[in-house]
């Protein structure tokens, strides 16, 4: 029974560390701030646009691998 408790403690510590790590990474991400005069910081917007473009490319590559004809299905659905 002691071995089971030891393994359970190790697994709990690992999952706790992973959860903390993910939380800190999410908290550390910069958000887009509006300047007092209502303008956005263009460098932050540019970085956000680049990040979103990369995410879209990754999602499209996953879809291409999993559902090869998803583009054709999507085009015919909107006509």
Protein backbone atom coordinates (compact mmCIF):
# COMPACT_ATOMS: atom_id res chain seq x y z
CA UNK A 1 0.00 0.00 0.00
CA UNK A 2 2.93 2.34 0.66
CA UNK A 3 4.10 2.01 -2.94
CA UNK A 4 0.64 3.01 -4.21
CA UNK A 5 0.63 6.08 -1.93
CA UNK A 6 4.12 7.03 -3.09
CA UNK A 7 3.14 6.77 -6.77
CA UNK A 8 -0.06 8.72 -6.09
CA UNK A 9 1.97 11.48 -4.38
CA UNK A 10 4.42 11.67 -7.30
CA UNK A 11 1.57 11.88 -9.84
CA UNK A 12 -0.15 14.60 -7.77
CA UNK A 13 3.08 16.64 -7.62
CA UNK A 14 3.65 16.29 -11.36
CA UNK A 15 0.09 17.34 -12.25
CA UNK A 16 0.28 20.20 -9.75
CA UNK A 17 3.52 21.41 -11.30
CA UNK A 18 2.10 21.19 -14.82
CA UNK A 19 -1.03 23.08 -13.77
CA UNK A 20 1.04 25.82 -12.10
CA UNK A 21 3.32 26.06 -15.14
CA UNK A 22 0.36 26.43 -17.53
CA UNK A 23 -1.26 29.03 -15.26
CA UNK A 24 1.93 31.09 -15.09
CA UNK A 25 2.44 30.93 -18.86
CA UNK A 26 -1.11 32.12 -19.51
CA UNK A 27 -0.80 34.90 -16.95
CA UNK A 28 2.50 35.99 -18.48
CA UNK A 29 1.04 36.53 -21.93
CA UNK A 30 0.68 40.15 -22.81
CA UNK A 31 -2.72 41.49 -23.62
CA UNK A 32 -3.50 44.30 -26.02
CA UNK A 33 -3.90 47.54 -24.14
CA UNK A 34 -5.81 50.59 -25.31
CA UNK A 35 -3.87 53.78 -24.88
CA UNK A 36 -5.59 56.69 -23.09
CA UNK A 37 -6.21 58.40 -26.42
CA UNK A 38 -8.02 55.29 -27.72
CA UNK A 39 -5.20 54.05 -29.97
CA UNK A 40 -3.81 50.54 -29.93
CA UNK A 41 -0.12 49.73 -29.72
CA UNK A 42 0.66 48.68 -33.28
CA UNK A 43 3.56 46.42 -32.27
CA UNK A 44 1.27 44.43 -29.97
CA UNK A 45 -1.43 44.19 -32.66
CA UNK A 46 1.14 43.06 -35.21
CA UNK A 47 2.46 40.37 -32.85
CA UNK A 48 -1.10 39.21 -32.13
CA UNK A 49 -1.92 39.05 -35.85
CA UNK A 50 1.24 36.99 -36.49
CA UNK A 51 0.34 34.61 -33.65
CA UNK A 52 -3.20 34.17 -34.97
CA UNK A 53 -1.88 33.54 -38.48
CA UNK A 54 0.41 30.81 -37.15
CA UNK A 55 -2.47 29.22 -35.24
CA UNK A 56 -4.69 29.23 -38.32
CA UNK A 57 -1.90 27.62 -40.37
CA UNK A 58 -1.50 24.89 -37.74
CA UNK A 59 -5.26 24.25 -37.59
CA UNK A 60 -5.47 24.06 -41.39
CA UNK A 61 -2.59 21.58 -41.51
CA UNK A 62 -4.34 19.42 -38.91
CA UNK A 63 -7.57 19.57 -40.89
CA UNK A 64 -5.70 18.72 -44.11
CA UNK A 65 -4.29 15.61 -42.42
CA UNK A 66 -7.53 14.51 -40.73
CA UNK A 67 -10.16 15.58 -43.29
CA UNK A 68 -8.43 15.92 -46.69
CA UNK A 69 -11.46 17.36 -48.52
CA UNK A 70 -12.58 19.83 -45.84
CA UNK A 71 -11.83 22.83 -48.06
CA UNK A 72 -14.09 21.57 -50.86
CA UNK A 73 -16.85 20.74 -48.37
CA UNK A 74 -16.63 24.21 -46.87
CA UNK A 75 -16.71 25.98 -50.26
CA UNK A 76 -19.78 24.06 -51.43
CA UNK A 77 -21.59 24.77 -48.17
CA UNK A 78 -21.50 28.54 -48.70
CA UNK A 79 -22.63 28.65 -52.31
